[in-house]
N, C-alpha and C. Protein backbone atom coordinates (compact mmCIF):
# COMPACT_ATOMS: atom_id res chain seq x y z
N MET A 1 -20.22 -30.16 -9.69
CA MET A 1 -20.23 -30.36 -8.25
C MET A 1 -20.26 -28.99 -7.56
N ASP A 2 -21.24 -28.79 -6.68
CA ASP A 2 -21.38 -27.53 -5.96
C ASP A 2 -20.56 -27.58 -4.68
N ILE A 3 -19.72 -26.57 -4.48
CA ILE A 3 -18.85 -26.51 -3.30
C ILE A 3 -19.53 -25.64 -2.26
N ASN A 4 -19.45 -26.04 -1.00
CA ASN A 4 -19.93 -25.21 0.09
C ASN A 4 -18.74 -24.39 0.58
N PHE A 5 -18.75 -23.09 0.31
CA PHE A 5 -17.65 -22.21 0.67
C PHE A 5 -17.79 -21.75 2.12
N ASP A 6 -16.67 -21.29 2.69
CA ASP A 6 -16.67 -20.80 4.07
C ASP A 6 -17.21 -19.37 4.16
N LEU A 7 -16.92 -18.57 3.13
CA LEU A 7 -17.26 -17.15 3.18
C LEU A 7 -17.57 -16.64 1.77
N ALA A 8 -18.58 -15.80 1.69
CA ALA A 8 -18.88 -15.10 0.43
C ALA A 8 -18.80 -13.61 0.69
N VAL A 9 -17.98 -12.91 -0.09
CA VAL A 9 -17.94 -11.45 -0.07
C VAL A 9 -18.79 -11.03 -1.26
N LYS A 10 -19.99 -10.54 -0.99
CA LYS A 10 -21.00 -10.34 -2.02
C LYS A 10 -20.98 -8.91 -2.57
N ASN A 11 -21.14 -8.81 -3.90
CA ASN A 11 -21.37 -7.54 -4.60
C ASN A 11 -20.24 -6.52 -4.48
N GLY A 12 -19.02 -6.97 -4.23
CA GLY A 12 -17.89 -6.05 -4.13
C GLY A 12 -17.38 -5.63 -5.49
N ARG A 13 -16.73 -4.48 -5.54
CA ARG A 13 -16.07 -4.02 -6.77
C ARG A 13 -14.66 -4.60 -6.77
N VAL A 14 -14.36 -5.38 -7.80
CA VAL A 14 -13.11 -6.14 -7.89
C VAL A 14 -12.43 -5.81 -9.21
N PHE A 15 -11.11 -5.68 -9.18
CA PHE A 15 -10.34 -5.49 -10.41
C PHE A 15 -9.91 -6.84 -10.96
N THR A 16 -10.25 -7.10 -12.22
CA THR A 16 -9.84 -8.32 -12.90
C THR A 16 -9.11 -7.93 -14.18
N SER A 17 -8.72 -8.91 -14.96
CA SER A 17 -8.07 -8.62 -16.25
C SER A 17 -9.02 -7.91 -17.21
N LYS A 18 -10.32 -7.94 -16.92
CA LYS A 18 -11.32 -7.27 -17.75
C LYS A 18 -11.70 -5.90 -17.20
N GLY A 19 -10.97 -5.43 -16.18
CA GLY A 19 -11.29 -4.15 -15.56
C GLY A 19 -12.04 -4.34 -14.26
N GLN A 20 -12.71 -3.27 -13.82
CA GLN A 20 -13.44 -3.30 -12.56
C GLN A 20 -14.82 -3.91 -12.79
N VAL A 21 -15.16 -4.91 -11.98
CA VAL A 21 -16.47 -5.56 -12.08
C VAL A 21 -17.08 -5.69 -10.69
N SER A 22 -18.39 -5.73 -10.64
CA SER A 22 -19.10 -6.02 -9.40
C SER A 22 -19.36 -7.52 -9.38
N THR A 23 -18.84 -8.20 -8.38
CA THR A 23 -18.96 -9.66 -8.36
C THR A 23 -18.89 -10.18 -6.93
N ASP A 24 -19.11 -11.46 -6.79
CA ASP A 24 -18.98 -12.13 -5.50
C ASP A 24 -17.64 -12.85 -5.44
N ILE A 25 -17.03 -12.85 -4.27
CA ILE A 25 -15.76 -13.54 -4.04
C ILE A 25 -16.06 -14.70 -3.09
N TRP A 26 -15.66 -15.90 -3.47
CA TRP A 26 -15.94 -17.10 -2.69
C TRP A 26 -14.65 -17.61 -2.06
N ILE A 27 -14.67 -17.75 -0.73
CA ILE A 27 -13.49 -18.13 0.05
C ILE A 27 -13.66 -19.54 0.58
N LYS A 28 -12.61 -20.35 0.46
CA LYS A 28 -12.58 -21.70 1.01
C LYS A 28 -11.22 -21.92 1.67
N ASP A 29 -11.20 -22.33 2.91
CA ASP A 29 -9.96 -22.60 3.65
C ASP A 29 -9.01 -21.39 3.64
N GLY A 30 -9.58 -20.19 3.78
CA GLY A 30 -8.77 -18.99 3.87
C GLY A 30 -8.23 -18.46 2.56
N ARG A 31 -8.65 -19.03 1.44
CA ARG A 31 -8.15 -18.60 0.13
C ARG A 31 -9.31 -18.30 -0.82
N ILE A 32 -9.07 -17.36 -1.73
CA ILE A 32 -10.06 -17.10 -2.77
C ILE A 32 -10.14 -18.34 -3.65
N ALA A 33 -11.35 -18.89 -3.76
CA ALA A 33 -11.54 -20.12 -4.53
C ALA A 33 -12.32 -19.89 -5.82
N ALA A 34 -13.11 -18.81 -5.87
CA ALA A 34 -13.91 -18.55 -7.07
C ALA A 34 -14.36 -17.09 -7.07
N LEU A 35 -14.59 -16.58 -8.28
CA LEU A 35 -15.20 -15.27 -8.48
C LEU A 35 -16.50 -15.49 -9.24
N GLY A 36 -17.57 -14.84 -8.78
CA GLY A 36 -18.85 -14.94 -9.47
C GLY A 36 -19.51 -16.29 -9.29
N GLY A 37 -20.63 -16.44 -9.94
CA GLY A 37 -21.38 -17.68 -9.87
C GLY A 37 -22.29 -17.73 -8.65
N ALA A 38 -23.15 -18.73 -8.64
CA ALA A 38 -24.09 -18.92 -7.53
C ALA A 38 -23.63 -20.13 -6.72
N HIS A 39 -23.21 -19.89 -5.51
CA HIS A 39 -22.71 -20.95 -4.63
C HIS A 39 -23.33 -20.79 -3.25
N ARG A 40 -22.99 -21.67 -2.36
CA ARG A 40 -23.43 -21.58 -0.96
C ARG A 40 -22.23 -21.25 -0.09
N SER A 41 -22.49 -20.55 1.03
CA SER A 41 -21.42 -20.28 1.99
C SER A 41 -21.99 -20.22 3.40
N GLU A 42 -21.12 -20.51 4.37
CA GLU A 42 -21.50 -20.46 5.78
C GLU A 42 -21.73 -19.02 6.23
N GLU A 43 -20.90 -18.11 5.74
CA GLU A 43 -20.93 -16.71 6.18
C GLU A 43 -20.93 -15.80 4.96
N LYS A 44 -21.60 -14.66 5.09
CA LYS A 44 -21.65 -13.69 3.99
C LYS A 44 -21.29 -12.30 4.51
N ILE A 45 -20.57 -11.55 3.68
CA ILE A 45 -20.27 -10.14 3.94
C ILE A 45 -20.81 -9.34 2.77
N ASP A 46 -21.61 -8.33 3.06
CA ASP A 46 -22.14 -7.47 2.00
C ASP A 46 -21.14 -6.36 1.72
N ALA A 47 -20.52 -6.40 0.54
CA ALA A 47 -19.51 -5.40 0.16
C ALA A 47 -20.05 -4.46 -0.91
N ARG A 48 -21.36 -4.35 -1.01
CA ARG A 48 -21.99 -3.49 -2.02
C ARG A 48 -21.42 -2.07 -1.92
N GLY A 49 -20.97 -1.55 -3.06
CA GLY A 49 -20.42 -0.20 -3.11
C GLY A 49 -18.99 -0.08 -2.61
N MET A 50 -18.39 -1.19 -2.21
CA MET A 50 -17.03 -1.16 -1.67
C MET A 50 -16.04 -1.74 -2.67
N LEU A 51 -14.84 -1.22 -2.65
CA LEU A 51 -13.75 -1.74 -3.46
C LEU A 51 -13.04 -2.81 -2.65
N VAL A 52 -12.91 -4.01 -3.21
CA VAL A 52 -12.27 -5.12 -2.52
C VAL A 52 -10.86 -5.28 -3.10
N LEU A 53 -9.85 -5.09 -2.24
CA LEU A 53 -8.45 -5.13 -2.68
C LEU A 53 -7.69 -6.21 -1.93
N PRO A 54 -6.61 -6.72 -2.51
CA PRO A 54 -5.75 -7.65 -1.76
C PRO A 54 -5.00 -6.91 -0.67
N GLY A 55 -4.49 -7.65 0.29
CA GLY A 55 -3.70 -7.04 1.36
C GLY A 55 -2.42 -6.42 0.82
N ALA A 56 -1.99 -5.35 1.46
CA ALA A 56 -0.76 -4.67 1.06
C ALA A 56 0.44 -5.31 1.76
N ILE A 57 1.63 -5.07 1.21
CA ILE A 57 2.88 -5.53 1.80
C ILE A 57 3.71 -4.30 2.14
N ASP A 58 4.08 -4.16 3.41
CA ASP A 58 4.94 -3.05 3.84
C ASP A 58 6.36 -3.59 3.90
N VAL A 59 7.20 -3.13 2.97
CA VAL A 59 8.55 -3.68 2.84
C VAL A 59 9.58 -2.96 3.70
N HIS A 60 9.14 -2.05 4.58
CA HIS A 60 10.12 -1.30 5.36
C HIS A 60 9.52 -0.91 6.71
N VAL A 61 9.54 -1.86 7.66
CA VAL A 61 9.05 -1.56 9.01
C VAL A 61 10.20 -1.65 10.00
N HIS A 62 10.06 -0.98 11.14
CA HIS A 62 11.05 -1.00 12.22
C HIS A 62 10.33 -1.39 13.51
N PHE A 63 10.21 -2.70 13.76
CA PHE A 63 9.49 -3.15 14.95
C PHE A 63 10.38 -3.20 16.19
N ARG A 64 11.70 -3.07 16.04
CA ARG A 64 12.64 -2.90 17.15
C ARG A 64 12.51 -3.98 18.22
N ASP A 65 12.29 -5.19 17.77
CA ASP A 65 12.11 -6.29 18.71
C ASP A 65 12.98 -7.45 18.23
N PRO A 66 14.07 -7.78 18.92
CA PRO A 66 14.44 -7.37 20.27
C PRO A 66 15.05 -5.97 20.28
N GLY A 67 15.03 -5.36 21.44
CA GLY A 67 15.65 -4.05 21.56
C GLY A 67 14.75 -3.03 22.21
N PRO A 68 14.86 -1.78 21.79
CA PRO A 68 14.08 -0.71 22.42
C PRO A 68 12.62 -0.74 21.95
N ASN A 69 11.92 -1.81 22.34
CA ASN A 69 10.58 -2.01 21.81
C ASN A 69 9.52 -1.12 22.45
N TYR A 70 9.93 -0.19 23.30
CA TYR A 70 8.98 0.81 23.78
C TYR A 70 8.54 1.69 22.61
N LYS A 71 9.36 1.71 21.54
CA LYS A 71 8.99 2.47 20.34
C LYS A 71 7.91 1.72 19.56
N GLU A 72 8.15 0.44 19.35
CA GLU A 72 7.19 -0.44 18.67
C GLU A 72 7.77 -1.84 18.70
N ASP A 73 6.90 -2.83 18.82
CA ASP A 73 7.35 -4.22 18.80
C ASP A 73 6.50 -5.00 17.80
N TRP A 74 6.75 -6.32 17.72
CA TRP A 74 6.02 -7.14 16.75
C TRP A 74 4.52 -7.14 17.02
N ALA A 75 4.13 -7.18 18.29
CA ALA A 75 2.69 -7.22 18.61
C ALA A 75 2.00 -5.92 18.19
N SER A 76 2.53 -4.78 18.63
CA SER A 76 1.86 -3.50 18.32
C SER A 76 2.00 -3.14 16.84
N GLY A 77 3.18 -3.37 16.28
CA GLY A 77 3.41 -3.01 14.87
C GLY A 77 2.59 -3.85 13.92
N SER A 78 2.51 -5.16 14.18
CA SER A 78 1.74 -6.02 13.28
C SER A 78 0.24 -5.78 13.45
N ALA A 79 -0.21 -5.44 14.67
CA ALA A 79 -1.63 -5.11 14.87
C ALA A 79 -1.99 -3.85 14.09
N SER A 80 -1.11 -2.85 14.13
CA SER A 80 -1.34 -1.62 13.37
C SER A 80 -1.36 -1.91 11.87
N ALA A 81 -0.44 -2.76 11.43
CA ALA A 81 -0.39 -3.12 10.01
C ALA A 81 -1.70 -3.78 9.59
N ALA A 82 -2.15 -4.77 10.35
CA ALA A 82 -3.38 -5.49 10.02
C ALA A 82 -4.58 -4.55 9.98
N ALA A 83 -4.64 -3.62 10.93
CA ALA A 83 -5.75 -2.67 10.97
C ALA A 83 -5.79 -1.79 9.72
N GLY A 84 -4.63 -1.58 9.11
CA GLY A 84 -4.54 -0.75 7.91
C GLY A 84 -4.59 -1.52 6.61
N GLY A 85 -4.88 -2.82 6.66
CA GLY A 85 -4.97 -3.62 5.44
C GLY A 85 -3.65 -4.20 4.96
N VAL A 86 -2.62 -4.10 5.79
CA VAL A 86 -1.31 -4.68 5.46
C VAL A 86 -1.30 -6.12 5.96
N THR A 87 -0.99 -7.06 5.07
CA THR A 87 -1.02 -8.47 5.45
C THR A 87 0.36 -9.10 5.55
N ALA A 88 1.41 -8.37 5.17
CA ALA A 88 2.78 -8.88 5.28
C ALA A 88 3.74 -7.70 5.45
N VAL A 89 4.79 -7.93 6.24
CA VAL A 89 5.79 -6.89 6.51
C VAL A 89 7.19 -7.45 6.36
N ILE A 90 8.14 -6.57 6.09
CA ILE A 90 9.56 -6.92 6.11
C ILE A 90 10.23 -5.99 7.10
N ASP A 91 10.74 -6.57 8.19
CA ASP A 91 11.34 -5.80 9.26
C ASP A 91 12.80 -5.51 8.95
N GLN A 92 13.25 -4.32 9.30
CA GLN A 92 14.63 -3.88 9.06
C GLN A 92 15.55 -4.37 10.18
N PRO A 93 16.86 -4.43 9.94
CA PRO A 93 17.79 -5.07 10.87
C PRO A 93 18.30 -4.18 12.00
N ASN A 94 17.72 -3.03 12.23
CA ASN A 94 18.29 -2.12 13.24
C ASN A 94 17.68 -2.35 14.62
N THR A 95 17.85 -3.55 15.12
CA THR A 95 17.41 -3.89 16.47
C THR A 95 18.62 -3.81 17.40
N VAL A 96 18.39 -4.03 18.69
CA VAL A 96 19.49 -4.07 19.66
C VAL A 96 19.43 -5.43 20.34
N PRO A 97 20.38 -6.31 20.06
CA PRO A 97 21.54 -6.11 19.18
C PRO A 97 21.11 -6.11 17.71
N ARG A 98 21.97 -5.51 16.87
CA ARG A 98 21.69 -5.48 15.43
C ARG A 98 21.64 -6.89 14.88
N THR A 99 20.84 -7.06 13.85
CA THR A 99 20.71 -8.37 13.21
C THR A 99 21.88 -8.53 12.25
N MET A 100 22.98 -9.11 12.78
CA MET A 100 24.24 -9.16 12.04
C MET A 100 24.72 -10.58 11.73
N ASP A 101 24.06 -11.59 12.28
CA ASP A 101 24.51 -12.96 12.04
C ASP A 101 23.30 -13.89 12.08
N ALA A 102 23.55 -15.15 11.75
CA ALA A 102 22.45 -16.12 11.67
C ALA A 102 21.73 -16.28 13.00
N ARG A 103 22.46 -16.25 14.09
CA ARG A 103 21.85 -16.43 15.42
C ARG A 103 20.88 -15.29 15.75
N SER A 104 21.31 -14.05 15.54
CA SER A 104 20.42 -12.92 15.83
C SER A 104 19.25 -12.87 14.85
N PHE A 105 19.48 -13.31 13.62
CA PHE A 105 18.41 -13.37 12.63
C PHE A 105 17.35 -14.38 13.05
N GLU A 106 17.78 -15.56 13.48
CA GLU A 106 16.84 -16.59 13.95
C GLU A 106 16.08 -16.13 15.18
N LYS A 107 16.76 -15.42 16.08
CA LYS A 107 16.09 -14.90 17.28
C LYS A 107 14.98 -13.93 16.88
N LYS A 108 15.28 -13.05 15.95
CA LYS A 108 14.28 -12.09 15.49
C LYS A 108 13.08 -12.81 14.86
N LEU A 109 13.35 -13.81 14.02
CA LEU A 109 12.26 -14.55 13.39
C LEU A 109 11.44 -15.33 14.41
N ASP A 110 12.09 -15.84 15.46
CA ASP A 110 11.37 -16.56 16.51
C ASP A 110 10.41 -15.62 17.25
N ILE A 111 10.86 -14.41 17.53
CA ILE A 111 9.99 -13.42 18.17
C ILE A 111 8.79 -13.14 17.26
N ALA A 112 9.04 -12.94 15.99
CA ALA A 112 7.95 -12.66 15.04
C ALA A 112 6.98 -13.84 14.97
N ARG A 113 7.51 -15.05 14.96
CA ARG A 113 6.67 -16.26 14.90
C ARG A 113 5.62 -16.27 16.01
N HIS A 114 6.01 -15.80 17.18
CA HIS A 114 5.13 -15.85 18.35
C HIS A 114 4.28 -14.60 18.55
N ARG A 115 4.65 -13.48 17.93
CA ARG A 115 3.96 -12.22 18.23
C ARG A 115 3.27 -11.55 17.04
N SER A 116 3.66 -11.90 15.83
CA SER A 116 3.14 -11.18 14.67
C SER A 116 1.73 -11.63 14.30
N LEU A 117 0.89 -10.67 13.96
CA LEU A 117 -0.46 -10.94 13.50
C LEU A 117 -0.55 -10.99 11.97
N VAL A 118 0.55 -10.69 11.29
CA VAL A 118 0.59 -10.71 9.83
C VAL A 118 1.78 -11.56 9.38
N ASP A 119 1.82 -11.89 8.09
CA ASP A 119 2.99 -12.59 7.56
C ASP A 119 4.20 -11.68 7.65
N TYR A 120 5.39 -12.25 7.71
CA TYR A 120 6.58 -11.44 7.95
C TYR A 120 7.80 -12.06 7.28
N ARG A 121 8.77 -11.22 7.08
CA ARG A 121 10.13 -11.58 6.71
C ARG A 121 11.02 -10.60 7.45
N GLY A 122 12.26 -10.95 7.58
CA GLY A 122 13.20 -10.05 8.25
C GLY A 122 14.39 -9.81 7.36
N LEU A 123 15.09 -8.75 7.66
CA LEU A 123 16.35 -8.46 6.99
C LEU A 123 17.45 -8.49 8.03
N GLY A 124 18.64 -8.89 7.61
CA GLY A 124 19.79 -8.86 8.48
C GLY A 124 21.02 -8.53 7.67
N HIS A 125 22.11 -8.24 8.37
CA HIS A 125 23.38 -7.95 7.70
C HIS A 125 24.40 -9.01 8.09
N TRP A 126 25.16 -9.47 7.12
CA TRP A 126 26.30 -10.34 7.36
C TRP A 126 27.47 -9.63 6.71
N GLY A 127 28.17 -8.81 7.49
CA GLY A 127 29.21 -7.95 6.91
C GLY A 127 28.55 -6.94 5.99
N ASP A 128 28.94 -6.93 4.73
CA ASP A 128 28.34 -6.02 3.76
C ASP A 128 27.18 -6.66 3.01
N ILE A 129 26.84 -7.89 3.36
CA ILE A 129 25.80 -8.62 2.65
C ILE A 129 24.47 -8.46 3.39
N LEU A 130 23.43 -8.11 2.68
CA LEU A 130 22.10 -8.01 3.25
C LEU A 130 21.42 -9.36 3.14
N LEU A 131 20.98 -9.91 4.27
CA LEU A 131 20.31 -11.23 4.27
C LEU A 131 18.85 -11.07 3.92
């Protein structure tokens, strides 16, 4: 059965268990569905000569939202992350107020839910325990 994919990233250099290969990446519903082969797609990207890598995860960001977000907030920080190939971030608990309890943690996650352009997690403190 031939699948009609949403996107084909053609001729990219990809790392597999067999090393670096030049191949096509087939995307369906926002996920990699196949490597190589001859398929159909709605959209094509020519990646000839380019290295195709998965998104990076930044495990230590300070988006300062809520708080002194003139330094950086979820909107600006996540936009910068996405522009640099970062697809997920973990925000640190040094906001104002500090992320010290379940209520402040939920508030921080709610802000991220509405403003972040990338996947996210947050850190918080409960006494000496890191959430």
